[in-house]
Amino acid sequence: MTTDQEIYREAKRQINRKKGFYRHFSVYLAVGLFLFLLDLLTGGGVDWFFYPMLSWGLAVLIQYFSVFGIPGTNILSDKWEEQQMEELVTRLEKKRNFYFQSMKKVQLLTKNH
């Protein structure tokens, strides 16, 4: 069972993850603008600011998928995580129950002999 405190904690965790993403994205945009202007002012002919921004942009994109999931799918979303957790718990409980039932049978067989 989920208590009100657990629900509140989970909501707080999700909000903090979203806040973290928005902060990260804001810093990415600000630094990107700064590097673009610096590249423009130095006028070296090569748009070098793309290189750090592309790799950093990939990290921002990965964080986005981690926080919000992949758009149009349920993959990596909070619902997906809950479903995966429920499936794994169910599978592990079945294994545990099978193990305990097998052990009971072994105990019964050894008692009878």
PDB file of N, CA and C in Angstrom:
ATOM      1  N   MET A   1       0.825  -1.196   0.000  1.00  0.00           N
ATOM      2  CA  MET A   1       0.000   0.000   0.000  1.00  0.00           C
ATOM      3  C   MET A   1       0.862   1.248   0.000  1.00  0.00           C
ATOM      4  N   THR A   2       0.338   2.232  -0.651  1.00  0.00           N
ATOM      5  CA  THR A   2       1.060   3.490  -0.742  1.00  0.00           C
ATOM      6  C   THR A   2       0.446   4.486   0.225  1.00  0.00           C
ATOM      7  N   THR A   3       1.274   5.019   1.090  1.00  0.00           N
ATOM      8  CA  THR A   3       0.784   6.007   2.042  1.00  0.00           C
ATOM      9  C   THR A   3       0.824   7.392   1.417  1.00  0.00           C
ATOM     10  N   ASP A   4       0.145   8.326   2.070  1.00  0.00           N
ATOM     11  CA  ASP A   4       0.151   9.709   1.587  1.00  0.00           C
ATOM     12  C   ASP A   4       1.565  10.270   1.564  1.00  0.00           C
ATOM     13  N   GLN A   5       2.374   9.903   2.557  1.00  0.00           N
ATOM     14  CA  GLN A   5       3.760  10.390   2.608  1.00  0.00           C
ATOM     15  C   GLN A   5       4.564   9.875   1.418  1.00  0.00           C
ATOM     16  N   GLU A   6       4.376   8.605   1.073  1.00  0.00           N
ATOM     17  CA  GLU A   6       5.098   8.038  -0.066  1.00  0.00           C
ATOM     18  C   GLU A   6       4.682   8.716  -1.364  1.00  0.00           C
ATOM     19  N   ILE A   7       3.387   8.985  -1.506  1.00  0.00           N
ATOM     20  CA  ILE A   7       2.895   9.672  -2.702  1.00  0.00           C
ATOM     21  C   ILE A   7       3.499  11.068  -2.776  1.00  0.00           C
ATOM     22  N   TYR A   8       3.511  11.762  -1.647  1.00  0.00           N
ATOM     23  CA  TYR A   8       4.083  13.110  -1.603  1.00  0.00           C
ATOM     24  C   TYR A   8       5.567  13.075  -1.958  1.00  0.00           C
ATOM     25  N   ARG A   9       6.299  12.103  -1.388  1.00  0.00           N
ATOM     26  CA  ARG A   9       7.737  11.980  -1.668  1.00  0.00           C
ATOM     27  C   ARG A   9       7.999  11.718  -3.147  1.00  0.00           C
ATOM     28  N   GLU A  10       7.185  10.841  -3.741  1.00  0.00           N
ATOM     29  CA  GLU A  10       7.353  10.531  -5.162  1.00  0.00           C
ATOM     30  C   GLU A  10       7.038  11.749  -6.023  1.00  0.00           C
ATOM     31  N   ALA A  11       5.980  12.471  -5.679  1.00  0.00           N
ATOM     32  CA  ALA A  11       5.637  13.688  -6.428  1.00  0.00           C
ATOM     33  C   ALA A  11       6.763  14.704  -6.309  1.00  0.00           C
ATOM     34  N   LYS A  12       7.309  14.859  -5.113  1.00  0.00           N
ATOM     35  CA  LYS A  12       8.412  15.795  -4.884  1.00  0.00           C
ATOM     36  C   LYS A  12       9.637  15.385  -5.701  1.00  0.00           C
ATOM     37  N   ARG A  13       9.922  14.091  -5.748  1.00  0.00           N
ATOM     38  CA  ARG A  13      11.067  13.585  -6.518  1.00  0.00           C
ATOM     39  C   ARG A  13      10.889  13.905  -8.002  1.00  0.00           C
ATOM     40  N   GLN A  14       9.690  13.672  -8.520  1.00  0.00           N
ATOM     41  CA  GLN A  14       9.443  13.939  -9.936  1.00  0.00           C
ATOM     42  C   GLN A  14       9.534  15.428 -10.246  1.00  0.00           C
ATOM     43  N   ILE A  15       9.017  16.257  -9.353  1.00  0.00           N
ATOM     44  CA  ILE A  15       9.100  17.710  -9.546  1.00  0.00           C
ATOM     45  C   ILE A  15      10.559  18.156  -9.530  1.00  0.00           C
ATOM     46  N   ASN A  16      11.351  17.616  -8.612  1.00  0.00           N
ATOM     47  CA  ASN A  16      12.776  17.972  -8.543  1.00  0.00           C
ATOM     48  C   ASN A  16      13.519  17.536  -9.807  1.00  0.00           C
ATOM     49  N   ARG A  17      13.165  16.390 -10.363  1.00  0.00           N
ATOM     50  CA  ARG A  17      13.791  15.944 -11.611  1.00  0.00           C
ATOM     51  C   ARG A  17      13.454  16.906 -12.748  1.00  0.00           C
ATOM     52  N   LYS A  18      12.197  17.349 -12.803  1.00  0.00           N
ATOM     53  CA  LYS A  18      11.792  18.297 -13.849  1.00  0.00           C
ATOM     54  C   LYS A  18      12.490  19.638 -13.662  1.00  0.00           C
ATOM     55  N   LYS A  19      12.557  20.108 -12.416  1.00  0.00           N
ATOM     56  CA  LYS A  19      13.265  21.363 -12.142  1.00  0.00           C
ATOM     57  C   LYS A  19      14.720  21.258 -12.563  1.00  0.00           C
ATOM     58  N   GLY A  20      15.342  20.141 -12.247  1.00  0.00           N
ATOM     59  CA  GLY A  20      16.736  19.922 -12.629  1.00  0.00           C
ATOM     60  C   GLY A  20      16.923  19.978 -14.134  1.00  0.00           C
ATOM     61  N   PHE A  21      15.985  19.379 -14.863  1.00  0.00           N
ATOM     62  CA  PHE A  21      16.082  19.425 -16.321  1.00  0.00           C
ATOM     63  C   PHE A  21      15.962  20.860 -16.817  1.00  0.00           C
ATOM     64  N   TYR A  22      14.970  21.601 -16.321  1.00  0.00           N
ATOM     65  CA  TYR A  22      14.764  22.978 -16.789  1.00  0.00           C
ATOM     66  C   TYR A  22      15.969  23.864 -16.466  1.00  0.00           C
ATOM     67  N   ARG A  23      16.573  23.648 -15.305  1.00  0.00           N
ATOM     68  CA  ARG A  23      17.795  24.399 -14.964  1.00  0.00           C
ATOM     69  C   ARG A  23      18.915  24.058 -15.943  1.00  0.00           C
ATOM     70  N   HIS A  24      19.110  22.776 -16.150  1.00  0.00           N
ATOM     71  CA  HIS A  24      20.169  22.317 -17.047  1.00  0.00           C
ATOM     72  C   HIS A  24      19.957  22.886 -18.450  1.00  0.00           C
ATOM     73  N   PHE A  25      18.722  22.837 -18.933  1.00  0.00           N
ATOM     74  CA  PHE A  25      18.412  23.338 -20.271  1.00  0.00           C
ATOM     75  C   PHE A  25      18.638  24.847 -20.360  1.00  0.00           C
ATOM     76  N   SER A  26      18.286  25.587 -19.309  1.00  0.00           N
ATOM     77  CA  SER A  26      18.502  27.043 -19.288  1.00  0.00           C
ATOM     78  C   SER A  26      19.986  27.380 -19.352  1.00  0.00           C
ATOM     79  N   VAL A  27      20.791  26.658 -18.579  1.00  0.00           N
ATOM     80  CA  VAL A  27      22.239  26.880 -18.598  1.00  0.00           C
ATOM     81  C   VAL A  27      22.788  26.534 -19.981  1.00  0.00           C
ATOM     82  N   TYR A  28      22.311  25.455 -20.558  1.00  0.00           N
ATOM     83  CA  TYR A  28      22.733  25.046 -21.903  1.00  0.00           C
ATOM     84  C   TYR A  28      22.466  26.160 -22.912  1.00  0.00           C
ATOM     85  N   LEU A  29      21.265  26.733 -22.870  1.00  0.00           N
ATOM     86  CA  LEU A  29      20.928  27.813 -23.805  1.00  0.00           C
ATOM     87  C   LEU A  29      21.781  29.054 -23.572  1.00  0.00           C
ATOM     88  N   ALA A  30      21.981  29.424 -22.305  1.00  0.00           N
ATOM     89  CA  ALA A  30      22.775  30.618 -21.992  1.00  0.00           C
ATOM     90  C   ALA A  30      24.226  30.449 -22.443  1.00  0.00           C
ATOM     91  N   VAL A  31      24.816  29.312 -22.123  1.00  0.00           N
ATOM     92  CA  VAL A  31      26.201  29.060 -22.528  1.00  0.00           C
ATOM     93  C   VAL A  31      26.288  28.963 -24.052  1.00  0.00           C
ATOM     94  N   GLY A  32      25.297  28.349 -24.676  1.00  0.00           N
ATOM     95  CA  GLY A  32      25.275  28.259 -26.135  1.00  0.00           C
ATOM     96  C   GLY A  32      25.250  29.629 -26.787  1.00  0.00           C
ATOM     97  N   LEU A  33      24.441  30.528 -26.248  1.00  0.00           N
ATOM     98  CA  LEU A  33      24.382  31.894 -26.773  1.00  0.00           C
ATOM     99  C   LEU A  33      25.725  32.597 -26.587  1.00  0.00           C
ATOM    100  N   PHE A  34      26.317  32.426 -25.394  1.00  0.00           N
ATOM    101  CA  PHE A  34      27.623  33.031 -25.116  1.00  0.00           C
ATOM    102  C   PHE A  34      28.683  32.512 -26.091  1.00  0.00           C
ATOM    103  N   LEU A  35      28.733  31.203 -26.283  1.00  0.00           N
ATOM    104  CA  LEU A  35      29.729  30.626 -27.194  1.00  0.00           C
ATOM    105  C   LEU A  35      29.481  31.054 -28.638  1.00  0.00           C
ATOM    106  N   PHE A  36      28.218  31.156 -29.024  1.00  0.00           N
ATOM    107  CA  PHE A  36      27.885  31.609 -30.371  1.00  0.00           C
ATOM    108  C   PHE A  36      28.378  33.037 -30.590  1.00  0.00           C
ATOM    109  N   LEU A  37      28.103  33.921 -29.618  1.00  0.00           N
ATOM    110  CA  LEU A  37      28.549  35.313 -29.742  1.00  0.00           C
ATOM    111  C   LEU A  37      30.067  35.407 -29.751  1.00  0.00           C
ATOM    112  N   LEU A  38      30.720  34.616 -28.913  1.00  0.00           N
ATOM    113  CA  LEU A  38      32.176  34.593 -28.873  1.00  0.00           C
ATOM    114  C   LEU A  38      32.736  34.126 -30.215  1.00  0.00           C
ATOM    115  N   ASP A  39      32.140  33.093 -30.776  1.00  0.00           N
ATOM    116  CA  ASP A  39      32.562  32.586 -32.080  1.00  0.00           C
ATOM    117  C   ASP A  39      32.334  33.642 -33.162  1.00  0.00           C
ATOM    118  N   LEU A  40      31.219  34.325 -33.081  1.00  0.00           N
ATOM    119  CA  LEU A  40      30.885  35.364 -34.054  1.00  0.00           C
ATOM    120  C   LEU A  40      31.872  36.525 -33.977  1.00  0.00           C
ATOM    121  N   LEU A  41      32.227  36.915 -32.745  1.00  0.00           N
ATOM    122  CA  LEU A  41      33.141  38.047 -32.550  1.00  0.00           C
ATOM    123  C   LEU A  41      34.574  37.720 -32.955  1.00  0.00           C
ATOM    124  N   THR A  42      34.991  36.495 -32.719  1.00  0.00           N
ATOM    125  CA  THR A  42      36.364  36.123 -33.075  1.00  0.00           C
ATOM    126  C   THR A  42      36.487  35.867 -34.569  1.00  0.00           C
ATOM    127  N   GLY A  43      35.403  35.467 -35.220  1.00  0.00           N
ATOM    128  CA  GLY A  43      35.367  35.316 -36.675  1.00  0.00           C
ATOM    129  C   GLY A  43      36.470  34.474 -37.251  1.00  0.00           C
ATOM    130  N   GLY A  44      36.724  33.332 -36.672  1.00  0.00           N
ATOM    131  CA  GLY A  44      37.793  32.469 -37.150  1.00  0.00           C
ATOM    132  C   GLY A  44      37.464  31.707 -38.419  1.00  0.00           C
ATOM    133  N   GLY A  45      36.257  31.798 -38.911  1.00  0.00           N
ATOM    134  CA  GLY A  45      35.883  31.084 -40.124  1.00  0.00           C
ATOM    135  C   GLY A  45      35.303  29.706 -39.862  1.00  0.00           C
ATOM    136  N   VAL A  46      35.669  29.093 -38.760  1.00  0.00           N
ATOM    137  CA  VAL A  46      35.134  27.783 -38.397  1.00  0.00           C
ATOM    138  C   VAL A  46      34.157  27.991 -37.247  1.00  0.00           C
ATOM    139  N   ASP A  47      32.953  27.500 -37.422  1.00  0.00           N
ATOM    140  CA  ASP A  47      31.966  27.625 -36.344  1.00  0.00           C
ATOM    141  C   ASP A  47      32.242  26.563 -35.283  1.00  0.00           C
ATOM    142  N   TRP A  48      33.229  26.813 -34.444  1.00  0.00           N
ATOM    143  CA  TRP A  48      33.680  25.843 -33.452  1.00  0.00           C
ATOM    144  C   TRP A  48      32.682  25.640 -32.319  1.00  0.00           C
ATOM    145  N   PHE A  49      31.795  26.617 -32.099  1.00  0.00           N
ATOM    146  CA  PHE A  49      30.885  26.505 -30.957  1.00  0.00           C
ATOM    147  C   PHE A  49      29.919  25.324 -31.110  1.00  0.00           C
ATOM    148  N   PHE A  50      29.737  24.830 -32.350  1.00  0.00           N
ATOM    149  CA  PHE A  50      28.854  23.683 -32.563  1.00  0.00           C
ATOM    150  C   PHE A  50      29.361  22.430 -31.847  1.00  0.00           C
ATOM    151  N   TYR A  51      30.664  22.254 -31.793  1.00  0.00           N
ATOM    152  CA  TYR A  51      31.220  21.019 -31.248  1.00  0.00           C
ATOM    153  C   TYR A  51      30.863  20.796 -29.779  1.00  0.00           C
ATOM    154  N   PRO A  52      31.125  21.755 -28.896  1.00  0.00           N
ATOM    155  CA  PRO A  52      30.716  21.501 -27.508  1.00  0.00           C
ATOM    156  C   PRO A  52      29.194  21.477 -27.348  1.00  0.00           C
ATOM    157  N   MET A  53      28.495  22.280 -28.153  1.00  0.00           N
ATOM    158  CA  MET A  53      27.044  22.352 -28.007  1.00  0.00           C
ATOM    159  C   MET A  53      26.355  21.069 -28.479  1.00  0.00           C
ATOM    160  N   LEU A  54      26.912  20.409 -29.477  1.00  0.00           N
ATOM    161  CA  LEU A  54      26.318  19.153 -29.946  1.00  0.00           C
ATOM    162  C   LEU A  54      26.432  18.052 -28.897  1.00  0.00           C
ATOM    163  N   SER A  55      27.629  17.901 -28.342  1.00  0.00           N
ATOM    164  CA  SER A  55      27.794  16.844 -27.342  1.00  0.00           C
ATOM    165  C   SER A  55      27.000  17.155 -26.073  1.00  0.00           C
ATOM    166  N   TRP A  56      26.996  18.410 -25.663  1.00  0.00           N
ATOM    167  CA  TRP A  56      26.223  18.805 -24.491  1.00  0.00           C
ATOM    168  C   TRP A  56      24.727  18.673 -24.789  1.00  0.00           C
ATOM    169  N   GLY A  57      24.333  19.015 -26.006  1.00  0.00           N
ATOM    170  CA  GLY A  57      22.930  18.881 -26.405  1.00  0.00           C
ATOM    171  C   GLY A  57      22.457  17.442 -26.339  1.00  0.00           C
ATOM    172  N   LEU A  58      23.341  16.513 -26.680  1.00  0.00           N
ATOM    173  CA  LEU A  58      23.003  15.099 -26.572  1.00  0.00           C
ATOM    174  C   LEU A  58      22.743  14.724 -25.112  1.00  0.00           C
ATOM    175  N   ALA A  59      23.571  15.236 -24.211  1.00  0.00           N
ATOM    176  CA  ALA A  59      23.369  14.977 -22.783  1.00  0.00           C
ATOM    177  C   ALA A  59      22.039  15.568 -22.305  1.00  0.00           C
ATOM    178  N   VAL A  60      21.697  16.759 -22.786  1.00  0.00           N
ATOM    179  CA  VAL A  60      20.414  17.385 -22.424  1.00  0.00           C
ATOM    180  C   VAL A  60      19.259  16.537 -22.948  1.00  0.00           C
ATOM    181  N   LEU A  61      19.385  16.031 -24.163  1.00  0.00           N
ATOM    182  CA  LEU A  61      18.342  15.193 -24.752  1.00  0.00           C
ATOM    183  C   LEU A  61      18.151  13.900 -23.957  1.00  0.00           C
ATOM    184  N   ILE A  62      19.247  13.290 -23.560  1.00  0.00           N
ATOM    185  CA  ILE A  62      19.170  12.068 -22.752  1.00  0.00           C
ATOM    186  C   ILE A  62      18.487  12.362 -21.422  1.00  0.00           C
ATOM    187  N   GLN A  63      18.824  13.493 -20.804  1.00  0.00           N
ATOM    188  CA  GLN A  63      18.171  13.859 -19.548  1.00  0.00           C
ATOM    189  C   GLN A  63      16.675  14.089 -19.776  1.00  0.00           C
ATOM    190  N   TYR A  64      16.319  14.719 -20.889  1.00  0.00           N
ATOM    191  CA  TYR A  64      14.902  14.938 -21.203  1.00  0.00           C
ATOM    192  C   TYR A  64      14.163  13.601 -21.261  1.00  0.00           C
ATOM    193  N   PHE A  65      14.726  12.631 -22.003  1.00  0.00           N
ATOM    194  CA  PHE A  65      14.086  11.320 -22.109  1.00  0.00           C
ATOM    195  C   PHE A  65      13.986  10.648 -20.746  1.00  0.00           C
ATOM    196  N   SER A  66      15.000  10.826 -19.925  1.00  0.00           N
ATOM    197  CA  SER A  66      15.000  10.240 -18.593  1.00  0.00           C
ATOM    198  C   SER A  66      13.908  10.838 -17.710  1.00  0.00           C
ATOM    199  N   VAL A  67      13.667  12.130 -17.843  1.00  0.00           N
ATOM    200  CA  VAL A  67      12.694  12.816 -16.990  1.00  0.00           C
ATOM    201  C   VAL A  67      11.272  12.683 -17.533  1.00  0.00           C
ATOM    202  N   PHE A  68      11.092  12.893 -18.833  1.00  0.00           N
ATOM    203  CA  PHE A  68       9.753  12.963 -19.412  1.00  0.00           C
ATOM    204  C   PHE A  68       9.367  11.732 -20.228  1.00  0.00           C
ATOM    205  N   GLY A  69      10.327  10.862 -20.527  1.00  0.00           N
ATOM    206  CA  GLY A  69      10.047   9.717 -21.378  1.00  0.00           C
ATOM    207  C   GLY A  69      10.199  10.100 -22.842  1.00  0.00           C
ATOM    208  N   ILE A  70      10.087   9.113 -23.703  1.00  0.00           N
ATOM    209  CA  ILE A  70      10.199   9.354 -25.137  1.00  0.00           C
ATOM    210  C   ILE A  70       8.814   9.732 -25.649  1.00  0.00           C
ATOM    211  N   PRO A  71       8.682  10.906 -26.276  1.00  0.00           N
ATOM    212  CA  PRO A  71       7.360  11.358 -26.738  1.00  0.00           C
ATOM    213  C   PRO A  71       6.697  10.347 -27.674  1.00  0.00           C
ATOM    214  N   GLY A  72       5.401  10.165 -27.478  1.00  0.00           N
ATOM    215  CA  GLY A  72       4.641   9.249 -28.319  1.00  0.00           C
ATOM    216  C   GLY A  72       4.741   7.800 -27.893  1.00  0.00           C
ATOM    217  N   THR A  73       5.547   7.536 -26.883  1.00  0.00           N
ATOM    218  CA  THR A  73       5.672   6.171 -26.365  1.00  0.00           C
ATOM    219  C   THR A  73       5.559   6.230 -24.853  1.00  0.00           C
ATOM    220  N   ASN A  74       5.542   5.080 -24.272  1.00  0.00           N
ATOM    221  CA  ASN A  74       5.501   4.992 -22.815  1.00  0.00           C
ATOM    222  C   ASN A  74       6.896   4.681 -22.269  1.00  0.00           C
ATOM    223  N   ILE A  75       7.871   4.533 -23.170  1.00  0.00           N
ATOM    224  CA  ILE A  75       9.209   4.101 -22.781  1.00  0.00           C
ATOM    225  C   ILE A  75       9.908   5.187 -21.962  1.00  0.00           C
ATOM    226  N   LEU A  76      10.485   4.794 -20.873  1.00  0.00           N
ATOM    227  CA  LEU A  76      11.250   5.632 -19.952  1.00  0.00           C
ATOM    228  C   LEU A  76      10.399   6.627 -19.164  1.00  0.00           C
ATOM    229  N   SER A  77       9.085   6.568 -19.281  1.00  0.00           N
ATOM    230  CA  SER A  77       8.239   7.457 -18.493  1.00  0.00           C
ATOM    231  C   SER A  77       8.039   6.851 -17.108  1.00  0.00           C
ATOM    232  N   ASP A  78       7.423   7.604 -16.222  1.00  0.00           N
ATOM    233  CA  ASP A  78       7.161   7.092 -14.879  1.00  0.00           C
ATOM    234  C   ASP A  78       6.201   5.904 -14.926  1.00  0.00           C
ATOM    235  N   LYS A  79       5.211   5.951 -15.841  1.00  0.00           N
ATOM    236  CA  LYS A  79       4.290   4.818 -15.990  1.00  0.00           C
ATOM    237  C   LYS A  79       5.049   3.574 -16.434  1.00  0.00           C
ATOM    238  N   TRP A  80       5.958   3.747 -17.383  1.00  0.00           N
ATOM    239  CA  TRP A  80       6.753   2.625 -17.874  1.00  0.00           C
ATOM    240  C   TRP A  80       7.553   2.021 -16.724  1.00  0.00           C
ATOM    241  N   GLU A  81       8.159   2.891 -15.922  1.00  0.00           N
ATOM    242  CA  GLU A  81       8.962   2.423 -14.788  1.00  0.00           C
ATOM    243  C   GLU A  81       8.100   1.632 -13.808  1.00  0.00           C
ATOM    244  N   GLU A  82       6.899   2.136 -13.522  1.00  0.00           N
ATOM    245  CA  GLU A  82       5.996   1.431 -12.609  1.00  0.00           C
ATOM    246  C   GLU A  82       5.607   0.073 -13.174  1.00  0.00           C
ATOM    247  N   GLN A  83       5.289   0.021 -14.472  1.00  0.00           N
ATOM    248  CA  GLN A  83       4.917  -1.247 -15.099  1.00  0.00           C
ATOM    249  C   GLN A  83       6.063  -2.246 -15.041  1.00  0.00           C
ATOM    250  N   GLN A  84       7.269  -1.785 -15.335  1.00  0.00           N
ATOM    251  CA  GLN A  84       8.435  -2.662 -15.283  1.00  0.00           C
ATOM    252  C   GLN A  84       8.650  -3.190 -13.870  1.00  0.00           C
ATOM    253  N   MET A  85       8.479  -2.309 -12.888  1.00  0.00           N
ATOM    254  CA  MET A  85       8.660  -2.699 -11.489  1.00  0.00           C
ATOM    255  C   MET A  85       7.619  -3.749 -11.090  1.00  0.00           C
ATOM    256  N   GLU A  86       6.365  -3.519 -11.461  1.00  0.00           N
ATOM    257  CA  GLU A  86       5.310  -4.480 -11.125  1.00  0.00           C
ATOM    258  C   GLU A  86       5.571  -5.834 -11.770  1.00  0.00           C
ATOM    259  N   GLU A  87       5.979  -5.827 -13.038  1.00  0.00           N
ATOM    260  CA  GLU A  87       6.269  -7.083 -13.731  1.00  0.00           C
ATOM    261  C   GLU A  87       7.421  -7.829 -13.074  1.00  0.00           C
ATOM    262  N   LEU A  88       8.468  -7.109 -12.716  1.00  0.00           N
ATOM    263  CA  LEU A  88       9.625  -7.742 -12.089  1.00  0.00           C
ATOM    264  C   LEU A  88       9.267  -8.305 -10.716  1.00  0.00           C
ATOM    265  N   VAL A  89       8.522  -7.540  -9.925  1.00  0.00           N
ATOM    266  CA  VAL A  89       8.110  -8.010  -8.597  1.00  0.00           C
ATOM    267  C   VAL A  89       7.257  -9.263  -8.734  1.00  0.00           C
ATOM    268  N   THR A  90       6.322  -9.256  -9.675  1.00  0.00           N
ATOM    269  CA  THR A  90       5.468 -10.429  -9.893  1.00  0.00           C
ATOM    270  C   THR A  90       6.305 -11.640 -10.274  1.00  0.00           C
ATOM    271  N   ARG A  91       7.253 -11.445 -11.178  1.00  0.00           N
ATOM    272  CA  ARG A  91       8.115 -12.547 -11.621  1.00  0.00           C
ATOM    273  C   ARG A  91       8.955 -13.084 -10.459  1.00  0.00           C
ATOM    274  N   LEU A  92       9.510 -12.187  -9.654  1.00  0.00           N
ATOM    275  CA  LEU A  92      10.327 -12.620  -8.518  1.00  0.00           C
ATOM    276  C   LEU A  92       9.488 -13.327  -7.461  1.00  0.00           C
ATOM    277  N   GLU A  93       8.267 -12.848  -7.247  1.00  0.00           N
ATOM    278  CA  GLU A  93       7.382 -13.514  -6.283  1.00  0.00           C
ATOM    279  C   GLU A  93       7.035 -14.920  -6.755  1.00  0.00           C
ATOM    280  N   LYS A  94       6.808 -15.092  -8.053  1.00  0.00           N
ATOM    281  CA  LYS A  94       6.514 -16.424  -8.598  1.00  0.00           C
ATOM    282  C   LYS A  94       7.698 -17.359  -8.385  1.00  0.00           C
ATOM    283  N   LYS A  95       8.906 -16.854  -8.636  1.00  0.00           N
ATOM    284  CA  LYS A  95      10.104 -17.676  -8.423  1.00  0.00           C
ATOM    285  C   LYS A  95      10.233 -18.069  -6.958  1.00  0.00           C
ATOM    286  N   ARG A  96      10.015 -17.086  -6.083  1.00  0.00           N
ATOM    287  CA  ARG A  96      10.119 -17.358  -4.649  1.00  0.00           C
ATOM    288  C   ARG A  96       9.087 -18.393  -4.224  1.00  0.00           C
ATOM    289  N   ASN A  97       7.845 -18.246  -4.683  1.00  0.00           N
ATOM    290  CA  ASN A  97       6.795 -19.198  -4.329  1.00  0.00           C
ATOM    291  C   ASN A  97       7.108 -20.587  -4.861  1.00  0.00           C
ATOM    292  N   PHE A  98       7.637 -20.662  -6.076  1.00  0.00           N
ATOM    293  CA  PHE A  98       8.019 -21.950  -6.645  1.00  0.00           C
ATOM    294  C   PHE A  98       9.110 -22.600  -5.795  1.00  0.00           C
ATOM    295  N   TYR A  99      10.084 -21.793  -5.381  1.00  0.00           N
ATOM    296  CA  TYR A  99      11.179 -22.300  -4.561  1.00  0.00           C
ATOM    297  C   TYR A  99      10.644 -22.845  -3.239  1.00  0.00           C
ATOM    298  N   PHE A 100       9.779 -22.076  -2.575  1.00  0.00           N
ATOM    299  CA  PHE A 100       9.249 -22.511  -1.281  1.00  0.00           C
ATOM    300  C   PHE A 100       8.370 -23.750  -1.423  1.00  0.00           C
ATOM    301  N   GLN A 101       7.584 -23.827  -2.483  1.00  0.00           N
ATOM    302  CA  GLN A 101       6.763 -25.016  -2.706  1.00  0.00           C
ATOM    303  C   GLN A 101       7.646 -26.232  -2.955  1.00  0.00           C
ATOM    304  N   SER A 102       8.717 -26.043  -3.704  1.00  0.00           N
ATOM    305  CA  SER A 102       9.648 -27.143  -3.966  1.00  0.00           C
ATOM    306  C   SER A 102      10.309 -27.602  -2.679  1.00  0.00           C
ATOM    307  N   MET A 103      10.682 -26.654  -1.837  1.00  0.00           N
ATOM    308  CA  MET A 103      11.325 -27.009  -0.565  1.00  0.00           C
ATOM    309  C   MET A 103      10.355 -27.766   0.338  1.00  0.00           C
ATOM    310  N   LYS A 104       9.087 -27.373   0.347  1.00  0.00           N
ATOM    311  CA  LYS A 104       8.089 -28.080   1.161  1.00  0.00           C
ATOM    312  C   LYS A 104       7.939 -29.519   0.686  1.00  0.00           C
ATOM    313  N   LYS A 105       7.930 -29.716  -0.634  1.00  0.00           N
ATOM    314  CA  LYS A 105       7.812 -31.064  -1.183  1.00  0.00           C
ATOM    315  C   LYS A 105       9.013 -31.907  -0.791  1.00  0.00           C
ATOM    316  N   VAL A 106      10.192 -31.322  -0.853  1.00  0.00           N
ATOM    317  CA  VAL A 106      11.409 -32.039  -0.475  1.00  0.00           C
ATOM    318  C   VAL A 106      11.351 -32.411   0.998  1.00  0.00           C
ATOM    319  N   GLN A 107      10.898 -31.494   1.837  1.00  0.00           N
ATOM    320  CA  GLN A 107      10.793 -31.774   3.270  1.00  0.00           C
ATOM    321  C   GLN A 107       9.796 -32.892   3.537  1.00  0.00           C
ATOM    322  N   LEU A 108       8.664 -32.867   2.841  1.00  0.00           N
ATOM    323  CA  LEU A 108       7.670 -33.927   3.016  1.00  0.00           C
ATOM    324  C   LEU A 108       8.227 -35.273   2.580  1.00  0.00           C
ATOM    325  N   LEU A 109       8.946 -35.290   1.476  1.00  0.00           N
ATOM    326  CA  LEU A 109       9.520 -36.541   0.987  1.00  0.00           C
ATOM    327  C   LEU A 109      10.577 -37.079   1.940  1.00  0.00           C
ATOM    328  N   THR A 110      11.393 -36.201   2.501  1.00  0.00           N
ATOM    329  CA  THR A 110      12.446 -36.658   3.416  1.00  0.00           C
ATOM    330  C   THR A 110      11.864 -37.100   4.752  1.00  0.00           C
ATOM    331  N   LYS A 111      10.743 -36.525   5.172  1.00  0.00           N
ATOM    332  CA  LYS A 111      10.098 -36.945   6.421  1.00  0.00           C
ATOM    333  C   LYS A 111       9.516 -38.346   6.285  1.00  0.00           C
ATOM    334  N   ASN A 112       8.974 -38.624   5.127  1.00  0.00           N
ATOM    335  CA  ASN A 112       8.319 -39.913   4.908  1.00  0.00           C
ATOM    336  C   ASN A 112       9.320 -41.055   4.770  1.00  0.00           C
ATOM    337  N   HIS A 113      10.554 -40.758   4.542  1.00  0.00           N
ATOM    338  CA  HIS A 113      11.547 -41.835   4.374  1.00  0.00           C
ATOM    339  C   HIS A 113      12.350 -42.044   5.578  1.00  0.00           C
TER     340      HIS A 113
END
